[in-house]
Structures are given as C-alpha cells and as structure tokens.
Amino acid sequence: MPSFKEVQYYLAGLWLLLRMDTRGFQYLDISDRGMLRSFWAILWSLPSIGISWLWWQQAYLSAMPPETSTGMAFFLRLALVEAASWLTPLVLAGVLLMIFRFGDKFAPVVVVVNWLGLPTSYLNALLIALLAFIPGSGGLVAILWLGLMMAIVFSLARMLRMICGTHPLFIGTLTLVLLIPTMLLTDFLQRFLGIYPPG
C-alpha cells in the first residue's frame, strides 16, 4: 500500500499535469505495476466513502417507515455500487482507447483517474458534512457540488490531454465516458438493489 508521502507525491504529479506541466509524469508511476497500485486510492478513500454511506443510510431511513432498519447487507450493497461505479468507467475507457488505437495510454489514464478520485472523494464528503451539520444548506451545497463537478470535468480533460495529446473530440468523448456512466450506473444500481430512498 502506498505511504502517505507517496500519495502526496502522486497528487503533486496530478497538480503539475493540471497545469499542463509534463514534469507531472515524473511524479506518477504510469507503468503496469503503477496502474495496479493506483487502485489503493480506493482504500485511501474509505474514510470519505464511509461518511457518504452513513449519510445515505440516514437519508434512506428518513424516507422509510419508522420501523425500517438497515443491517450489514445495506452497506454491502453500497460497497457493490461503489465498486461498480469505480471500475466500469475504466473498462469502458479501455475499450474506447483500444478502438481508437490509444491502447498504450490505458495505464496512465487509469493511474490519473484513480488518484484523482481520492481528492474528489474527500471534497464530496466535505459537502455531505456541510449538508448534514448545517441546517438549510441544501441550496449552497447544490451550487458547490455543481462547481465541484465542473472542476472535475475541467481537470480530467486537461490531464487526459496531457496523456493522449491534442485530440479535442476524442478527449471530450473519453472524459464523458469516464464520468457519465458513473452517475447513471450509481442511480440504476441503487434503485435495483433497493437502497434508493423512495419519493
């Protein structure tokens, strides 16, 4: 598992790529081994993921009859949704990269997407905390969440451009493939698994 210092190093690499600085690649392990190690970002994200799960459980229970309870099965289903939402876009991106003959870019794309998911997860948890502890903050959180989504799209597109080169249409398509399926799949699986608040 990468140490905290290594994670800081990787995030510094992402920041350089965001600034269109090629030195960012020197901070990231974009080998096949580095690609596999980048999935440790999921484990590093667990505290923030746990916050979102607890908030989702409360939202679910508040929309259900008072006698409703949730057990370990509820969180296992949330874990399944989380895993599918994290992995499926990467698989789809891999297919797209192979179709357009960018297969050699798959490892760096996975590395960048996985480590970018780490700060994104904690920023999302921060918005959830604002929603949970500050009454009447729903409108503000919605605006901040929209801003976060725009920042993610902008950041990811710039980093993908650094990896794949200046192909605007392809970069735009790849960015959408990495983001849109996550939202659609999350909503579908939550409803399918019965962990979506009714109403």
C-alpha atoms as a PDB file:
ATOM      1  CA  MET A   1       0.000   0.000   0.000  1.00  0.00           C
ATOM      2  CA  PRO A   2       1.443   3.436  -0.914  1.00  0.00           C
ATOM      3  CA  SER A   3       2.513   5.508   2.054  1.00  0.00           C
ATOM      4  CA  PHE A   4       1.046   8.919   2.816  1.00  0.00           C
ATOM      5  CA  LYS A   5       4.213  10.520   1.436  1.00  0.00           C
ATOM      6  CA  GLU A   6       3.822   8.585  -1.812  1.00  0.00           C
ATOM      7  CA  VAL A   7       0.199   9.661  -2.078  1.00  0.00           C
ATOM      8  CA  GLN A   8       1.276  13.277  -1.642  1.00  0.00           C
ATOM      9  CA  TYR A   9       3.832  12.719  -4.389  1.00  0.00           C
ATOM     10  CA  TYR A  10       1.174  11.339  -6.742  1.00  0.00           C
ATOM     11  CA  LEU A  11      -1.184  14.225  -6.017  1.00  0.00           C
ATOM     12  CA  ALA A  12       1.628  16.662  -6.731  1.00  0.00           C
ATOM     13  CA  GLY A  13       2.018  14.943 -10.101  1.00  0.00           C
ATOM     14  CA  LEU A  14      -1.673  15.437 -10.817  1.00  0.00           C
ATOM     15  CA  TRP A  15      -1.372  19.116  -9.939  1.00  0.00           C
ATOM     16  CA  LEU A  16       1.509  19.518 -12.397  1.00  0.00           C
ATOM     17  CA  LEU A  17      -0.460  17.763 -15.138  1.00  0.00           C
ATOM     18  CA  LEU A  18      -3.409  20.032 -14.413  1.00  0.00           C
ATOM     19  CA  ARG A  19      -1.062  22.942 -15.026  1.00  0.00           C
ATOM     20  CA  MET A  20      -0.049  21.296 -18.328  1.00  0.00           C
ATOM     21  CA  ASP A  21       3.433  20.614 -16.953  1.00  0.00           C
ATOM     22  CA  THR A  22       4.958  17.389 -18.300  1.00  0.00           C
ATOM     23  CA  ARG A  23       7.036  17.037 -15.135  1.00  0.00           C
ATOM     24  CA  GLY A  24       3.887  15.631 -13.586  1.00  0.00           C
ATOM     25  CA  PHE A  25       4.586  12.297 -15.269  1.00  0.00           C
ATOM     26  CA  GLN A  26       7.802  12.035 -13.247  1.00  0.00           C
ATOM     27  CA  TYR A  27       5.733  12.041 -10.059  1.00  0.00           C
ATOM     28  CA  LEU A  28       3.387   9.276 -11.213  1.00  0.00           C
ATOM     29  CA  ASP A  29       4.115   5.607 -11.723  1.00  0.00           C
ATOM     30  CA  ILE A  30       2.393   5.022 -15.066  1.00  0.00           C
ATOM     31  CA  SER A  31       3.783   1.521 -15.552  1.00  0.00           C
ATOM     32  CA  ASP A  32       1.518  -1.534 -15.404  1.00  0.00           C
ATOM     33  CA  ARG A  33       2.633  -2.028 -11.791  1.00  0.00           C
ATOM     34  CA  GLY A  34       1.827   1.595 -11.039  1.00  0.00           C
ATOM     35  CA  MET A  35      -1.581   1.149 -12.623  1.00  0.00           C
ATOM     36  CA  LEU A  36      -2.364  -1.744 -10.270  1.00  0.00           C
ATOM     37  CA  ARG A  37      -1.003   0.149  -7.263  1.00  0.00           C
ATOM     38  CA  SER A  38      -3.208   3.132  -8.106  1.00  0.00           C
ATOM     39  CA  PHE A  39      -6.239   1.094  -7.012  1.00  0.00           C
ATOM     40  CA  TRP A  40      -5.006   1.597  -3.453  1.00  0.00           C
ATOM     41  CA  ALA A  41      -6.623   5.013  -3.892  1.00  0.00           C
ATOM     42  CA  ILE A  42      -9.897   3.236  -3.135  1.00  0.00           C
ATOM     43  CA  LEU A  43      -8.594   2.178   0.279  1.00  0.00           C
ATOM     44  CA  TRP A  44      -7.248   5.661   0.944  1.00  0.00           C
ATOM     45  CA  SER A  45     -10.727   6.977   0.108  1.00  0.00           C
ATOM     46  CA  LEU A  46     -12.527   4.692   2.566  1.00  0.00           C
ATOM     47  CA  PRO A  47     -12.961   7.295   5.354  1.00  0.00           C
ATOM     48  CA  SER A  48     -14.691   9.705   2.962  1.00  0.00           C
ATOM     49  CA  ILE A  49     -16.668   6.876   1.376  1.00  0.00           C
ATOM     50  CA  GLY A  50     -17.790   5.826   4.860  1.00  0.00           C
ATOM     51  CA  ILE A  51     -19.114   9.336   5.524  1.00  0.00           C
ATOM     52  CA  SER A  52     -21.149   9.248   2.313  1.00  0.00           C
ATOM     53  CA  TRP A  53     -22.507   5.797   3.172  1.00  0.00           C
ATOM     54  CA  LEU A  54     -23.627   6.879   6.637  1.00  0.00           C
ATOM     55  CA  TRP A  55     -25.303   9.948   5.182  1.00  0.00           C
ATOM     56  CA  TRP A  56     -27.022   7.806   2.542  1.00  0.00           C
ATOM     57  CA  GLN A  57     -28.228   5.403   5.241  1.00  0.00           C
ATOM     58  CA  GLN A  58     -29.764   8.298   7.178  1.00  0.00           C
ATOM     59  CA  ALA A  59     -31.395   9.673   4.024  1.00  0.00           C
ATOM     60  CA  TYR A  60     -32.789   6.233   3.284  1.00  0.00           C
ATOM     61  CA  LEU A  61     -34.131   5.687   6.811  1.00  0.00           C
ATOM     62  CA  SER A  62     -35.696   9.143   6.987  1.00  0.00           C
ATOM     63  CA  ALA A  63     -37.714   8.358   3.843  1.00  0.00           C
ATOM     64  CA  MET A  64     -38.871   4.970   5.099  1.00  0.00           C
ATOM     65  CA  PRO A  65     -41.406   3.958   7.772  1.00  0.00           C
ATOM     66  CA  PRO A  66     -40.141   4.387  11.369  1.00  0.00           C
ATOM     67  CA  GLU A  67     -39.792   0.635  11.921  1.00  0.00           C
ATOM     68  CA  THR A  68     -37.386   0.260   8.987  1.00  0.00           C
ATOM     69  CA  SER A  69     -33.846  -0.815   9.842  1.00  0.00           C
ATOM     70  CA  THR A  70     -30.690  -1.412   7.863  1.00  0.00           C
ATOM     71  CA  GLY A  71     -28.049  -4.001   8.537  1.00  0.00           C
ATOM     72  CA  MET A  72     -24.754  -5.108   7.084  1.00  0.00           C
ATOM     73  CA  ALA A  73     -26.500  -6.084   3.835  1.00  0.00           C
ATOM     74  CA  PHE A  74     -27.298  -2.406   3.215  1.00  0.00           C
ATOM     75  CA  PHE A  75     -23.617  -1.452   3.377  1.00  0.00           C
ATOM     76  CA  LEU A  76     -22.571  -4.467   1.311  1.00  0.00           C
ATOM     77  CA  ARG A  77     -24.912  -3.259  -1.414  1.00  0.00           C
ATOM     78  CA  LEU A  78     -23.440   0.207  -1.161  1.00  0.00           C
ATOM     79  CA  ALA A  79     -19.978  -1.344  -1.498  1.00  0.00           C
ATOM     80  CA  LEU A  80     -21.120  -3.170  -4.632  1.00  0.00           C
ATOM     81  CA  VAL A  81     -22.425   0.090  -6.100  1.00  0.00           C
ATOM     82  CA  GLU A  82     -19.160   1.839  -5.207  1.00  0.00           C
ATOM     83  CA  ALA A  83     -17.007  -0.865  -6.809  1.00  0.00           C
ATOM     84  CA  ALA A  84     -19.084  -0.979  -9.988  1.00  0.00           C
ATOM     85  CA  SER A  85     -19.104   2.802 -10.267  1.00  0.00           C
ATOM     86  CA  TRP A  86     -15.326   2.957  -9.842  1.00  0.00           C
ATOM     87  CA  LEU A  87     -14.391   0.111 -12.206  1.00  0.00           C
ATOM     88  CA  THR A  88     -16.967   0.223 -15.012  1.00  0.00           C
ATOM     89  CA  PRO A  89     -15.882   3.615 -16.450  1.00  0.00           C
ATOM     90  CA  LEU A  90     -12.275   2.385 -16.534  1.00  0.00           C
ATOM     91  CA  VAL A  91     -13.313  -0.688 -18.508  1.00  0.00           C
ATOM     92  CA  LEU A  92     -15.319   1.429 -20.951  1.00  0.00           C
ATOM     93  CA  ALA A  93     -12.398   3.846 -21.286  1.00  0.00           C
ATOM     94  CA  GLY A  94     -10.099   0.904 -22.040  1.00  0.00           C
ATOM     95  CA  VAL A  95     -12.405  -0.254 -24.831  1.00  0.00           C
ATOM     96  CA  LEU A  96     -12.539   3.272 -26.264  1.00  0.00           C
ATOM     97  CA  LEU A  97      -8.758   3.602 -26.105  1.00  0.00           C
ATOM     98  CA  MET A  98      -8.287   0.322 -27.957  1.00  0.00           C
ATOM     99  CA  ILE A  99     -10.832   1.232 -30.643  1.00  0.00           C
ATOM    100  CA  PHE A 100      -9.000   4.471 -31.381  1.00  0.00           C
ATOM    101  CA  ARG A 101      -5.572   2.836 -31.084  1.00  0.00           C
ATOM    102  CA  PHE A 102      -4.563   4.539 -27.882  1.00  0.00           C
ATOM    103  CA  GLY A 103      -4.196   1.247 -26.022  1.00  0.00           C
ATOM    104  CA  ASP A 104      -0.740   2.191 -24.745  1.00  0.00           C
ATOM    105  CA  LYS A 105      -2.343   5.094 -22.877  1.00  0.00           C
ATOM    106  CA  PHE A 106      -4.581   2.865 -20.756  1.00  0.00           C
ATOM    107  CA  ALA A 107      -2.189   2.550 -17.798  1.00  0.00           C
ATOM    108  CA  PRO A 108      -1.568   6.303 -17.388  1.00  0.00           C
ATOM    109  CA  VAL A 109      -5.283   7.032 -17.799  1.00  0.00           C
ATOM    110  CA  VAL A 110      -6.137   4.557 -15.025  1.00  0.00           C
ATOM    111  CA  VAL A 111      -3.415   5.982 -12.769  1.00  0.00           C
ATOM    112  CA  VAL A 112      -4.649   9.542 -13.241  1.00  0.00           C
ATOM    113  CA  VAL A 113      -8.336   8.663 -12.830  1.00  0.00           C
ATOM    114  CA  ASN A 114      -7.758   6.566  -9.708  1.00  0.00           C
ATOM    115  CA  TRP A 115      -5.619   9.131  -7.892  1.00  0.00           C
ATOM    116  CA  LEU A 116      -7.884  11.983  -8.976  1.00  0.00           C
ATOM    117  CA  GLY A 117     -10.717  10.041  -7.344  1.00  0.00           C
ATOM    118  CA  LEU A 118      -9.011  10.465  -3.961  1.00  0.00           C
ATOM    119  CA  PRO A 119      -9.325  14.260  -3.508  1.00  0.00           C
ATOM    120  CA  THR A 120     -12.677  14.152  -5.297  1.00  0.00           C
ATOM    121  CA  SER A 121     -13.994  11.681  -2.735  1.00  0.00           C
ATOM    122  CA  TYR A 122     -12.905  13.835   0.207  1.00  0.00           C
ATOM    123  CA  LEU A 123     -14.323  17.014  -1.315  1.00  0.00           C
ATOM    124  CA  ASN A 124     -17.619  15.199  -1.832  1.00  0.00           C
ATOM    125  CA  ALA A 125     -17.540  14.049   1.810  1.00  0.00           C
ATOM    126  CA  LEU A 126     -16.957  17.663   2.880  1.00  0.00           C
ATOM    127  CA  LEU A 127     -20.097  18.745   1.019  1.00  0.00           C
ATOM    128  CA  ILE A 128     -22.031  15.925   2.673  1.00  0.00           C
ATOM    129  CA  ALA A 129     -20.769  17.090   6.079  1.00  0.00           C
ATOM    130  CA  LEU A 130     -21.976  20.619   5.313  1.00  0.00           C
ATOM    131  CA  LEU A 131     -25.362  19.242   4.337  1.00  0.00           C
ATOM    132  CA  ALA A 132     -25.581  17.111   7.469  1.00  0.00           C
ATOM    133  CA  PHE A 133     -24.431  19.641  10.074  1.00  0.00           C
ATOM    134  CA  ILE A 134     -25.575  22.996   8.713  1.00  0.00           C
ATOM    135  CA  PRO A 135     -29.384  23.270   8.550  1.00  0.00           C
ATOM    136  CA  GLY A 136     -30.742  24.878   5.420  1.00  0.00           C
ATOM    137  CA  SER A 137     -27.501  24.476   3.500  1.00  0.00           C
ATOM    138  CA  GLY A 138     -29.072  22.388   0.712  1.00  0.00           C
ATOM    139  CA  GLY A 139     -29.048  25.217  -1.833  1.00  0.00           C
ATOM    140  CA  LEU A 140     -25.450  26.168  -1.100  1.00  0.00           C
ATOM    141  CA  VAL A 141     -24.309  22.551  -1.241  1.00  0.00           C
ATOM    142  CA  ALA A 142     -26.056  22.071  -4.596  1.00  0.00           C
ATOM    143  CA  ILE A 143     -24.150  25.053  -6.026  1.00  0.00           C
ATOM    144  CA  LEU A 144     -20.857  23.832  -4.544  1.00  0.00           C
ATOM    145  CA  TRP A 145     -21.491  20.326  -5.877  1.00  0.00           C
ATOM    146  CA  LEU A 146     -22.095  21.754  -9.360  1.00  0.00           C
ATOM    147  CA  GLY A 147     -18.852  23.697  -9.045  1.00  0.00           C
ATOM    148  CA  LEU A 148     -17.051  20.534  -7.969  1.00  0.00           C
ATOM    149  CA  MET A 149     -18.403  18.628 -10.974  1.00  0.00           C
ATOM    150  CA  MET A 150     -17.290  21.385 -13.337  1.00  0.00           C
ATOM    151  CA  ALA A 151     -13.832  21.388 -11.738  1.00  0.00           C
ATOM    152  CA  ILE A 152     -13.586  17.599 -12.132  1.00  0.00           C
ATOM    153  CA  VAL A 153     -14.560  17.768 -15.810  1.00  0.00           C
ATOM    154  CA  PHE A 154     -12.073  20.574 -16.440  1.00  0.00           C
ATOM    155  CA  SER A 155      -9.247  18.881 -14.528  1.00  0.00           C
ATOM    156  CA  LEU A 156      -9.779  15.447 -16.046  1.00  0.00           C
ATOM    157  CA  ALA A 157      -9.955  16.823 -19.589  1.00  0.00           C
ATOM    158  CA  ARG A 158      -6.669  18.699 -19.150  1.00  0.00           C
ATOM    159  CA  MET A 159      -4.916  15.652 -17.706  1.00  0.00           C
ATOM    160  CA  LEU A 160      -6.232  13.389 -20.475  1.00  0.00           C
ATOM    161  CA  ARG A 161      -4.965  15.904 -22.997  1.00  0.00           C
ATOM    162  CA  MET A 162      -1.515  15.630 -21.451  1.00  0.00           C
ATOM    163  CA  ILE A 163      -1.708  11.825 -21.818  1.00  0.00           C
ATOM    164  CA  CYS A 164      -3.361  11.420 -25.209  1.00  0.00           C
ATOM    165  CA  GLY A 165      -2.357  14.620 -26.992  1.00  0.00           C
ATOM    166  CA  THR A 166      -4.400  17.356 -28.604  1.00  0.00           C
ATOM    167  CA  HIS A 167      -7.399  15.467 -29.978  1.00  0.00           C
ATOM    168  CA  PRO A 168     -10.330  17.594 -28.730  1.00  0.00           C
ATOM    169  CA  LEU A 169     -13.151  15.325 -29.884  1.00  0.00           C
ATOM    170  CA  PHE A 170     -11.501  12.195 -28.515  1.00  0.00           C
ATOM    171  CA  ILE A 171     -10.566  13.876 -25.213  1.00  0.00           C
ATOM    172  CA  GLY A 172     -14.134  15.137 -24.815  1.00  0.00           C
ATOM    173  CA  THR A 173     -15.563  11.683 -25.515  1.00  0.00           C
ATOM    174  CA  LEU A 174     -13.122   9.969 -23.151  1.00  0.00           C
ATOM    175  CA  THR A 175     -13.909  12.473 -20.400  1.00  0.00           C
ATOM    176  CA  LEU A 176     -17.638  11.807 -20.745  1.00  0.00           C
ATOM    177  CA  VAL A 177     -17.071   8.038 -20.786  1.00  0.00           C
ATOM    178  CA  LEU A 178     -15.182   8.306 -17.507  1.00  0.00           C
ATOM    179  CA  LEU A 179     -17.823  10.465 -15.789  1.00  0.00           C
ATOM    180  CA  ILE A 180     -21.331   9.911 -17.153  1.00  0.00           C
ATOM    181  CA  PRO A 181     -21.550   6.095 -16.713  1.00  0.00           C
ATOM    182  CA  THR A 182     -20.633   6.512 -13.041  1.00  0.00           C
ATOM    183  CA  MET A 183     -23.660   8.710 -12.367  1.00  0.00           C
ATOM    184  CA  LEU A 184     -26.048   6.596 -14.428  1.00  0.00           C
ATOM    185  CA  LEU A 185     -24.805   3.302 -13.020  1.00  0.00           C
ATOM    186  CA  THR A 186     -24.898   4.534  -9.436  1.00  0.00           C
ATOM    187  CA  ASP A 187     -28.510   5.635  -9.758  1.00  0.00           C
ATOM    188  CA  PHE A 188     -29.543   2.417 -11.528  1.00  0.00           C
ATOM    189  CA  LEU A 189     -27.837   0.062  -9.078  1.00  0.00           C
ATOM    190  CA  GLN A 190     -29.147   1.901  -6.023  1.00  0.00           C
ATOM    191  CA  ARG A 191     -32.696   1.519  -7.316  1.00  0.00           C
ATOM    192  CA  PHE A 192     -32.146  -2.060  -8.461  1.00  0.00           C
ATOM    193  CA  LEU A 193     -30.642  -3.119  -5.118  1.00  0.00           C
ATOM    194  CA  GLY A 194     -33.372  -1.380  -3.138  1.00  0.00           C
ATOM    195  CA  ILE A 195     -31.164   1.153  -1.355  1.00  0.00           C
ATOM    196  CA  TYR A 196     -32.539   4.270  -3.016  1.00  0.00           C
ATOM    197  CA  PRO A 197     -34.746   6.465  -0.788  1.00  0.00           C
ATOM    198  CA  PRO A 198     -38.321   6.424  -2.126  1.00  0.00           C
ATOM    199  CA  GLY A 199     -40.157   9.576  -3.003  1.00  0.00           C
END
